Amino acid sequence: MPSFDVVSEVDGQELDNAVNILKKEIENRYDFKGSNTTVELNKKDKKIHMVTNDDMKIKALREMLIGALIKRSIDPDCLDFKDPEPTGNRQFKRDVIVKEGLDKEVSKKIVKMIKDSKLKVQASIMDDKVRVQGKKIDDLQEVIQFLKTSELGIPLQYVNMKS
C-alpha cells in the first residue's frame, strides 16, 4: 500500500552553515565593530547561544539569523527564540532552540486534520512522525498539498514515499 511519513527535521549541516554565515556577517558589519558579540551552535542539544552588548543588537542578531537560515533553505519556523536576558557584565544573552520532531499534540492535530479532510487515507502516529497510507498515490499527494496549506507553526517534510 502506498505511504509516506510526515516529519519535522532540520539539516544539521545546513544549520551549522547558517550560523557560520551569521558569524561572518557580524565580523563585517559596522554596528557590531568593537562589540563583544558571540554566536555559538551546540550541535548536540540543537541550541544557538547569542551574547551581545545591547538590546538592539540582540534584535538585529535575530533578524540576521533568520536571513541566514532562509539563504540555506531552512524554515525559520523551526526556531524557538527565548526572551533576551541581561547578564552580569552589561550584556544580553538569548538562547534559540531548534525544534525537531513532531510532539504528541502536533501529531494528533495532523491525524485529526487528515481524518476531517475526508480523503481516503489512514494516518497513524509513529514516535515523532506521522505515517499516511492510502490505496492511490493521488490521494497521498492531495494530503501533502492539504498539509502544505495548513498553518501548524512548524515546518513539515514529507519523506519515505513508497508506492
N, C-alpha and C. Protein backbone atom coordinates (compact mmCIF):
# COMPACT_ATOMS: atom_id res chain seq x y z
N MET A 1 0.84 -1.19 0.00
CA MET A 1 0.00 0.00 0.00
C MET A 1 0.89 1.25 0.00
N PRO A 2 0.63 2.21 -0.89
CA PRO A 2 1.45 3.44 -0.93
C PRO A 2 1.38 4.20 0.40
N SER A 3 2.53 4.78 0.79
CA SER A 3 2.57 5.53 2.04
C SER A 3 3.69 6.56 2.01
N PHE A 4 3.64 7.48 2.97
CA PHE A 4 4.73 8.42 3.21
C PHE A 4 4.70 8.83 4.67
N ASP A 5 5.78 9.47 5.13
CA ASP A 5 5.87 9.92 6.51
C ASP A 5 5.91 11.44 6.54
N VAL A 6 5.22 12.01 7.52
CA VAL A 6 5.26 13.45 7.78
C VAL A 6 6.21 13.65 8.95
N VAL A 7 7.27 14.43 8.75
CA VAL A 7 8.27 14.66 9.80
C VAL A 7 8.57 16.16 9.89
N SER A 8 9.28 16.52 10.94
CA SER A 8 9.79 17.89 11.07
C SER A 8 11.25 17.76 11.46
N GLU A 9 12.13 17.97 10.49
CA GLU A 9 13.57 17.80 10.70
C GLU A 9 14.32 19.02 10.20
N VAL A 10 15.51 19.23 10.77
CA VAL A 10 16.39 20.31 10.33
C VAL A 10 17.73 19.67 9.96
N ASP A 11 18.24 20.01 8.78
CA ASP A 11 19.53 19.50 8.34
C ASP A 11 20.63 20.14 9.20
N GLY A 12 21.32 19.34 9.98
CA GLY A 12 22.33 19.84 10.90
C GLY A 12 23.47 20.56 10.20
N GLN A 13 23.89 20.08 9.05
CA GLN A 13 24.98 20.72 8.33
C GLN A 13 24.56 22.10 7.82
N GLU A 14 23.35 22.20 7.29
CA GLU A 14 22.87 23.48 6.80
C GLU A 14 22.68 24.48 7.95
N LEU A 15 22.26 23.98 9.11
CA LEU A 15 22.14 24.84 10.29
C LEU A 15 23.51 25.36 10.70
N ASP A 16 24.51 24.50 10.69
CA ASP A 16 25.88 24.90 11.01
C ASP A 16 26.37 25.95 10.00
N ASN A 17 26.08 25.73 8.73
CA ASN A 17 26.47 26.70 7.70
C ASN A 17 25.80 28.05 7.92
N ALA A 18 24.53 28.04 8.31
CA ALA A 18 23.80 29.29 8.55
C ALA A 18 24.41 30.06 9.73
N VAL A 19 24.79 29.35 10.78
CA VAL A 19 25.41 30.01 11.93
C VAL A 19 26.77 30.58 11.53
N ASN A 20 27.53 29.86 10.70
CA ASN A 20 28.82 30.38 10.23
C ASN A 20 28.64 31.62 9.36
N ILE A 21 27.60 31.64 8.54
CA ILE A 21 27.28 32.84 7.75
C ILE A 21 26.99 34.01 8.68
N LEU A 22 26.23 33.75 9.72
CA LEU A 22 25.90 34.79 10.70
C LEU A 22 27.16 35.33 11.37
N LYS A 23 28.08 34.45 11.75
CA LYS A 23 29.32 34.90 12.39
C LYS A 23 30.14 35.80 11.46
N LYS A 24 30.22 35.43 10.18
CA LYS A 24 30.97 36.26 9.22
C LYS A 24 30.30 37.60 9.02
N GLU A 25 28.97 37.60 9.00
CA GLU A 25 28.24 38.85 8.83
C GLU A 25 28.47 39.78 10.03
N ILE A 26 28.55 39.21 11.23
CA ILE A 26 28.81 40.01 12.44
C ILE A 26 30.19 40.66 12.35
N GLU A 27 31.18 39.91 11.87
CA GLU A 27 32.54 40.44 11.74
C GLU A 27 32.60 41.62 10.77
N ASN A 28 31.74 41.60 9.74
CA ASN A 28 31.81 42.61 8.68
C ASN A 28 30.89 43.81 8.90
N ARG A 29 29.93 43.71 9.80
CA ARG A 29 29.00 44.82 9.98
C ARG A 29 29.59 45.90 10.86
N TYR A 30 29.38 47.13 10.45
CA TYR A 30 29.93 48.28 11.15
C TYR A 30 29.34 48.43 12.55
N ASP A 31 28.03 48.20 12.70
CA ASP A 31 27.40 48.39 14.00
C ASP A 31 27.81 47.34 15.03
N PHE A 32 28.47 46.28 14.60
CA PHE A 32 28.96 45.26 15.54
C PHE A 32 30.46 45.39 15.80
N LYS A 33 31.14 46.36 15.17
CA LYS A 33 32.58 46.55 15.39
C LYS A 33 32.81 46.93 16.85
N GLY A 34 33.74 46.27 17.50
CA GLY A 34 34.08 46.57 18.88
C GLY A 34 33.12 46.00 19.91
N SER A 35 32.01 45.45 19.46
CA SER A 35 31.09 44.83 20.43
C SER A 35 31.58 43.42 20.73
N ASN A 36 31.28 42.97 21.89
CA ASN A 36 31.71 41.65 22.31
C ASN A 36 30.58 40.66 22.00
N THR A 37 30.35 40.41 20.72
CA THR A 37 29.23 39.58 20.28
C THR A 37 29.71 38.18 19.94
N THR A 38 29.01 37.18 20.48
CA THR A 38 29.33 35.79 20.16
C THR A 38 28.05 35.04 19.80
N VAL A 39 28.18 34.13 18.86
CA VAL A 39 27.09 33.24 18.48
C VAL A 39 27.68 31.84 18.40
N GLU A 40 27.08 30.91 19.15
CA GLU A 40 27.59 29.55 19.17
C GLU A 40 26.45 28.56 18.98
N LEU A 41 26.74 27.52 18.21
CA LEU A 41 25.77 26.45 17.98
C LEU A 41 26.20 25.23 18.76
N ASN A 42 25.31 24.73 19.61
CA ASN A 42 25.53 23.47 20.30
C ASN A 42 24.83 22.40 19.46
N LYS A 43 25.62 21.65 18.69
CA LYS A 43 25.05 20.68 17.76
C LYS A 43 24.34 19.54 18.49
N LYS A 44 24.85 19.17 19.64
CA LYS A 44 24.27 18.05 20.38
C LYS A 44 22.87 18.39 20.89
N ASP A 45 22.72 19.57 21.51
CA ASP A 45 21.43 19.98 22.08
C ASP A 45 20.56 20.73 21.08
N LYS A 46 21.11 21.04 19.88
CA LYS A 46 20.40 21.83 18.87
C LYS A 46 19.95 23.16 19.47
N LYS A 47 20.92 23.90 20.02
CA LYS A 47 20.68 25.21 20.62
C LYS A 47 21.67 26.21 20.06
N ILE A 48 21.20 27.44 19.86
CA ILE A 48 22.07 28.53 19.45
C ILE A 48 22.11 29.52 20.60
N HIS A 49 23.32 29.89 21.02
CA HIS A 49 23.51 30.80 22.16
C HIS A 49 24.11 32.10 21.63
N MET A 50 23.40 33.21 21.86
CA MET A 50 23.86 34.51 21.38
C MET A 50 24.11 35.44 22.57
N VAL A 51 25.23 36.16 22.55
CA VAL A 51 25.56 37.15 23.58
C VAL A 51 26.05 38.41 22.88
N THR A 52 25.53 39.58 23.31
CA THR A 52 25.97 40.84 22.73
C THR A 52 25.77 41.97 23.74
N ASN A 53 26.13 43.20 23.32
CA ASN A 53 26.18 44.33 24.25
C ASN A 53 24.84 44.94 24.61
N ASP A 54 23.91 45.04 23.67
CA ASP A 54 22.66 45.73 24.00
C ASP A 54 21.46 45.08 23.32
N ASP A 55 20.30 45.56 23.71
CA ASP A 55 19.04 45.00 23.24
C ASP A 55 18.85 45.16 21.73
N MET A 56 19.30 46.27 21.18
CA MET A 56 19.17 46.50 19.73
C MET A 56 19.97 45.46 18.95
N LYS A 57 21.15 45.13 19.44
CA LYS A 57 21.97 44.14 18.74
C LYS A 57 21.36 42.74 18.84
N ILE A 58 20.71 42.45 19.98
CA ILE A 58 20.02 41.15 20.12
C ILE A 58 18.92 41.04 19.07
N LYS A 59 18.18 42.12 18.87
CA LYS A 59 17.12 42.11 17.85
C LYS A 59 17.71 41.99 16.45
N ALA A 60 18.83 42.66 16.21
CA ALA A 60 19.49 42.57 14.90
C ALA A 60 20.01 41.15 14.67
N LEU A 61 20.54 40.51 15.71
CA LEU A 61 21.02 39.13 15.57
C LEU A 61 19.89 38.19 15.18
N ARG A 62 18.72 38.42 15.76
CA ARG A 62 17.56 37.58 15.41
C ARG A 62 17.25 37.69 13.92
N GLU A 63 17.19 38.92 13.41
CA GLU A 63 16.88 39.14 12.00
C GLU A 63 17.98 38.57 11.10
N MET A 64 19.23 38.74 11.51
CA MET A 64 20.35 38.21 10.73
C MET A 64 20.33 36.68 10.70
N LEU A 65 19.99 36.05 11.83
CA LEU A 65 19.91 34.60 11.89
C LEU A 65 18.81 34.08 10.98
N ILE A 66 17.65 34.72 11.02
CA ILE A 66 16.54 34.31 10.15
C ILE A 66 16.95 34.44 8.68
N GLY A 67 17.63 35.53 8.33
CA GLY A 67 18.10 35.71 6.96
C GLY A 67 19.09 34.63 6.54
N ALA A 68 20.00 34.28 7.45
CA ALA A 68 20.99 33.24 7.14
C ALA A 68 20.30 31.88 6.95
N LEU A 69 19.27 31.59 7.75
CA LEU A 69 18.55 30.33 7.62
C LEU A 69 17.81 30.27 6.28
N ILE A 70 17.20 31.37 5.90
CA ILE A 70 16.47 31.40 4.63
C ILE A 70 17.43 31.18 3.47
N LYS A 71 18.63 31.77 3.54
CA LYS A 71 19.64 31.56 2.49
C LYS A 71 20.01 30.09 2.36
N ARG A 72 19.96 29.36 3.49
CA ARG A 72 20.33 27.94 3.49
C ARG A 72 19.11 27.03 3.34
N SER A 73 17.96 27.59 2.96
CA SER A 73 16.72 26.83 2.74
C SER A 73 16.21 26.12 3.99
N ILE A 74 16.35 26.77 5.13
CA ILE A 74 15.80 26.24 6.38
C ILE A 74 14.66 27.16 6.80
N ASP A 75 13.52 26.56 7.10
CA ASP A 75 12.35 27.33 7.51
C ASP A 75 12.58 27.92 8.90
N PRO A 76 12.49 29.25 9.06
CA PRO A 76 12.73 29.85 10.38
C PRO A 76 11.69 29.48 11.43
N ASP A 77 10.57 28.85 11.01
CA ASP A 77 9.57 28.42 11.98
C ASP A 77 10.10 27.32 12.90
N CYS A 78 11.23 26.72 12.54
CA CYS A 78 11.80 25.66 13.37
C CYS A 78 12.52 26.23 14.60
N LEU A 79 12.61 27.55 14.71
CA LEU A 79 13.32 28.18 15.82
C LEU A 79 12.36 28.63 16.90
N ASP A 80 12.79 28.44 18.14
CA ASP A 80 12.04 28.93 19.30
C ASP A 80 12.95 29.92 20.02
N PHE A 81 12.69 31.21 19.81
CA PHE A 81 13.51 32.27 20.41
C PHE A 81 13.06 32.49 21.85
N LYS A 82 13.98 32.32 22.77
CA LYS A 82 13.71 32.63 24.18
C LYS A 82 13.87 34.13 24.38
N ASP A 83 13.34 34.65 25.48
CA ASP A 83 13.45 36.08 25.76
C ASP A 83 14.90 36.44 26.09
N PRO A 84 15.34 37.63 25.64
CA PRO A 84 16.70 38.07 25.99
C PRO A 84 16.82 38.30 27.50
N GLU A 85 17.96 37.92 28.05
CA GLU A 85 18.21 38.08 29.47
C GLU A 85 19.47 38.89 29.67
N PRO A 86 19.47 39.84 30.62
CA PRO A 86 20.71 40.57 30.91
C PRO A 86 21.68 39.67 31.67
N THR A 87 22.95 39.80 31.35
CA THR A 87 23.98 39.08 32.10
C THR A 87 24.63 40.05 33.08
N GLY A 88 25.52 39.59 33.89
CA GLY A 88 26.13 40.43 34.92
C GLY A 88 27.01 41.54 34.40
N ASN A 89 27.63 41.39 33.27
CA ASN A 89 28.61 42.37 32.80
C ASN A 89 28.09 43.21 31.62
N ARG A 90 26.92 43.82 31.81
CA ARG A 90 26.31 44.73 30.83
C ARG A 90 26.12 44.11 29.45
N GLN A 91 25.74 42.89 29.40
CA GLN A 91 25.48 42.22 28.13
C GLN A 91 24.12 41.54 28.18
N PHE A 92 23.64 41.15 27.01
CA PHE A 92 22.40 40.42 26.90
C PHE A 92 22.68 39.07 26.25
N LYS A 93 21.97 38.06 26.72
CA LYS A 93 22.10 36.74 26.10
C LYS A 93 20.72 36.26 25.67
N ARG A 94 20.71 35.44 24.64
CA ARG A 94 19.47 34.86 24.15
C ARG A 94 19.77 33.45 23.66
N ASP A 95 18.94 32.52 24.10
CA ASP A 95 19.04 31.15 23.61
C ASP A 95 17.97 30.92 22.56
N VAL A 96 18.35 30.18 21.53
CA VAL A 96 17.43 29.84 20.46
C VAL A 96 17.42 28.32 20.35
N ILE A 97 16.25 27.73 20.52
CA ILE A 97 16.14 26.27 20.46
C ILE A 97 15.64 25.88 19.07
N VAL A 98 16.30 24.89 18.48
CA VAL A 98 15.90 24.37 17.17
C VAL A 98 14.94 23.20 17.42
N LYS A 99 13.69 23.38 16.97
CA LYS A 99 12.67 22.37 17.21
C LYS A 99 12.74 21.30 16.11
N GLU A 100 12.80 20.06 16.56
CA GLU A 100 12.80 18.92 15.63
C GLU A 100 11.84 17.87 16.13
N GLY A 101 11.29 17.13 15.21
CA GLY A 101 10.37 16.06 15.56
C GLY A 101 8.97 16.61 15.83
N LEU A 102 8.00 15.75 15.71
CA LEU A 102 6.62 16.12 15.97
C LEU A 102 6.27 15.66 17.39
N ASP A 103 5.83 16.59 18.23
CA ASP A 103 5.41 16.17 19.56
C ASP A 103 4.00 15.57 19.47
N LYS A 104 3.53 14.98 20.54
CA LYS A 104 2.26 14.25 20.53
C LYS A 104 1.08 15.13 20.13
N GLU A 105 1.04 16.38 20.65
CA GLU A 105 -0.09 17.26 20.36
C GLU A 105 -0.16 17.59 18.86
N VAL A 106 0.99 17.91 18.27
CA VAL A 106 1.02 18.25 16.84
C VAL A 106 0.68 17.01 16.02
N SER A 107 1.20 15.85 16.41
CA SER A 107 0.90 14.62 15.67
C SER A 107 -0.61 14.33 15.71
N LYS A 108 -1.22 14.47 16.88
CA LYS A 108 -2.67 14.24 16.99
C LYS A 108 -3.45 15.24 16.14
N LYS A 109 -2.98 16.48 16.11
CA LYS A 109 -3.65 17.51 15.32
C LYS A 109 -3.57 17.18 13.83
N ILE A 110 -2.40 16.71 13.38
CA ILE A 110 -2.23 16.34 11.97
C ILE A 110 -3.15 15.18 11.61
N VAL A 111 -3.20 14.15 12.48
CA VAL A 111 -4.06 12.98 12.22
C VAL A 111 -5.52 13.42 12.16
N LYS A 112 -5.93 14.28 13.08
CA LYS A 112 -7.32 14.76 13.10
C LYS A 112 -7.63 15.56 11.83
N MET A 113 -6.71 16.42 11.40
CA MET A 113 -6.92 17.21 10.19
C MET A 113 -7.07 16.31 8.97
N ILE A 114 -6.25 15.26 8.90
CA ILE A 114 -6.32 14.34 7.76
C ILE A 114 -7.65 13.59 7.77
N LYS A 115 -8.08 13.15 8.96
CA LYS A 115 -9.37 12.43 9.04
C LYS A 115 -10.54 13.35 8.71
N ASP A 116 -10.46 14.61 9.16
CA ASP A 116 -11.53 15.57 8.88
C ASP A 116 -11.59 15.97 7.41
N SER A 117 -10.49 15.77 6.67
CA SER A 117 -10.47 16.15 5.26
C SER A 117 -11.26 15.18 4.38
N LYS A 118 -11.67 14.05 4.93
CA LYS A 118 -12.48 13.04 4.22
C LYS A 118 -11.76 12.40 3.04
N LEU A 119 -10.43 12.47 3.02
CA LEU A 119 -9.67 11.78 1.99
C LEU A 119 -9.57 10.30 2.37
N LYS A 120 -9.45 9.45 1.37
CA LYS A 120 -9.43 8.01 1.62
C LYS A 120 -8.02 7.53 1.95
N VAL A 121 -7.55 7.96 3.12
CA VAL A 121 -6.22 7.58 3.60
C VAL A 121 -6.32 7.30 5.10
N GLN A 122 -5.32 6.58 5.61
CA GLN A 122 -5.22 6.34 7.04
C GLN A 122 -3.95 7.01 7.55
N ALA A 123 -4.07 7.69 8.68
CA ALA A 123 -2.92 8.34 9.29
C ALA A 123 -2.71 7.74 10.67
N SER A 124 -1.45 7.44 10.99
CA SER A 124 -1.13 6.88 12.30
C SER A 124 0.15 7.51 12.83
N ILE A 125 0.20 7.64 14.16
CA ILE A 125 1.36 8.25 14.81
C ILE A 125 2.39 7.16 15.07
N MET A 126 3.64 7.44 14.66
CA MET A 126 4.75 6.51 14.90
C MET A 126 5.92 7.31 15.47
N ASP A 127 6.09 7.26 16.79
CA ASP A 127 7.13 8.01 17.50
C ASP A 127 7.02 9.50 17.20
N ASP A 128 8.01 10.07 16.50
CA ASP A 128 7.98 11.51 16.24
C ASP A 128 7.65 11.81 14.77
N LYS A 129 6.86 10.93 14.16
CA LYS A 129 6.41 11.16 12.78
C LYS A 129 5.00 10.61 12.62
N VAL A 130 4.37 11.00 11.53
CA VAL A 130 3.02 10.52 11.21
C VAL A 130 3.10 9.78 9.88
N ARG A 131 2.65 8.54 9.86
CA ARG A 131 2.63 7.75 8.62
C ARG A 131 1.24 7.85 8.00
N VAL A 132 1.21 8.14 6.71
CA VAL A 132 -0.04 8.25 5.97
C VAL A 132 -0.04 7.17 4.90
N GLN A 133 -1.13 6.36 4.86
CA GLN A 133 -1.25 5.29 3.89
C GLN A 133 -2.56 5.45 3.12
N GLY A 134 -2.51 5.07 1.86
CA GLY A 134 -3.72 5.13 1.04
C GLY A 134 -3.60 4.18 -0.13
N LYS A 135 -4.73 3.92 -0.80
CA LYS A 135 -4.71 3.00 -1.93
C LYS A 135 -4.15 3.63 -3.19
N LYS A 136 -4.31 4.97 -3.31
CA LYS A 136 -3.86 5.66 -4.51
C LYS A 136 -2.81 6.71 -4.15
N ILE A 137 -1.81 6.82 -5.00
CA ILE A 137 -0.78 7.84 -4.78
C ILE A 137 -1.39 9.24 -4.92
N ASP A 138 -2.41 9.38 -5.77
CA ASP A 138 -3.06 10.69 -5.92
C ASP A 138 -3.66 11.17 -4.61
N ASP A 139 -4.23 10.24 -3.83
CA ASP A 139 -4.78 10.61 -2.53
C ASP A 139 -3.68 11.09 -1.59
N LEU A 140 -2.52 10.43 -1.65
CA LEU A 140 -1.40 10.83 -0.80
C LEU A 140 -0.90 12.22 -1.20
N GLN A 141 -0.86 12.48 -2.51
CA GLN A 141 -0.42 13.80 -2.96
C GLN A 141 -1.41 14.89 -2.55
N GLU A 142 -2.70 14.55 -2.50
CA GLU A 142 -3.69 15.51 -2.01
C GLU A 142 -3.46 15.82 -0.54
N VAL A 143 -3.10 14.81 0.23
CA VAL A 143 -2.82 15.03 1.66
C VAL A 143 -1.62 15.95 1.81
N ILE A 144 -0.58 15.74 1.01
CA ILE A 144 0.62 16.60 1.08
C ILE A 144 0.24 18.04 0.76
N GLN A 145 -0.55 18.25 -0.30
CA GLN A 145 -0.97 19.61 -0.65
C GLN A 145 -1.83 20.22 0.45
N PHE A 146 -2.70 19.41 1.04
CA PHE A 146 -3.55 19.88 2.14
C PHE A 146 -2.71 20.31 3.34
N LEU A 147 -1.71 19.50 3.70
CA LEU A 147 -0.86 19.83 4.85
C LEU A 147 0.03 21.04 4.57
N LYS A 148 0.44 21.22 3.31
CA LYS A 148 1.27 22.39 2.98
C LYS A 148 0.51 23.68 3.18
N THR A 149 -0.81 23.66 2.97
CA THR A 149 -1.60 24.88 3.13
C THR A 149 -2.04 25.11 4.57
N SER A 150 -1.91 24.11 5.43
CA SER A 150 -2.33 24.28 6.82
C SER A 150 -1.25 24.99 7.63
N GLU A 151 -1.68 25.77 8.59
CA GLU A 151 -0.75 26.52 9.45
C GLU A 151 -0.60 25.80 10.78
N LEU A 152 0.50 25.08 10.96
CA LEU A 152 0.75 24.37 12.21
C LEU A 152 1.82 25.03 13.05
N GLY A 153 2.54 25.99 12.50
CA GLY A 153 3.57 26.68 13.26
C GLY A 153 4.92 25.99 13.25
N ILE A 154 5.01 24.85 12.57
CA ILE A 154 6.29 24.16 12.43
C ILE A 154 6.45 23.73 10.97
N PRO A 155 7.69 23.66 10.49
CA PRO A 155 7.88 23.20 9.11
C PRO A 155 7.72 21.68 9.02
N LEU A 156 7.08 21.23 7.97
CA LEU A 156 6.87 19.79 7.76
C LEU A 156 7.61 19.34 6.51
N GLN A 157 8.13 18.12 6.56
CA GLN A 157 8.72 17.50 5.38
C GLN A 157 7.99 16.16 5.16
N TYR A 158 8.02 15.71 3.91
CA TYR A 158 7.32 14.50 3.52
C TYR A 158 8.36 13.54 2.94
N VAL A 159 8.61 12.47 3.66
CA VAL A 159 9.70 11.56 3.31
C VAL A 159 9.19 10.13 3.18
N ASN A 160 10.06 9.26 2.68
CA ASN A 160 9.80 7.83 2.54
C ASN A 160 8.55 7.51 1.72
N MET A 161 8.38 8.21 0.62
CA MET A 161 7.23 7.94 -0.26
C MET A 161 7.43 6.57 -0.89
N LYS A 162 6.48 5.68 -0.61
CA LYS A 162 6.56 4.32 -1.16
C LYS A 162 5.29 4.05 -1.94
N SER A 163 5.47 3.43 -3.11
CA SER A 163 4.28 3.13 -3.91
C SER A 163 4.13 1.65 -4.13
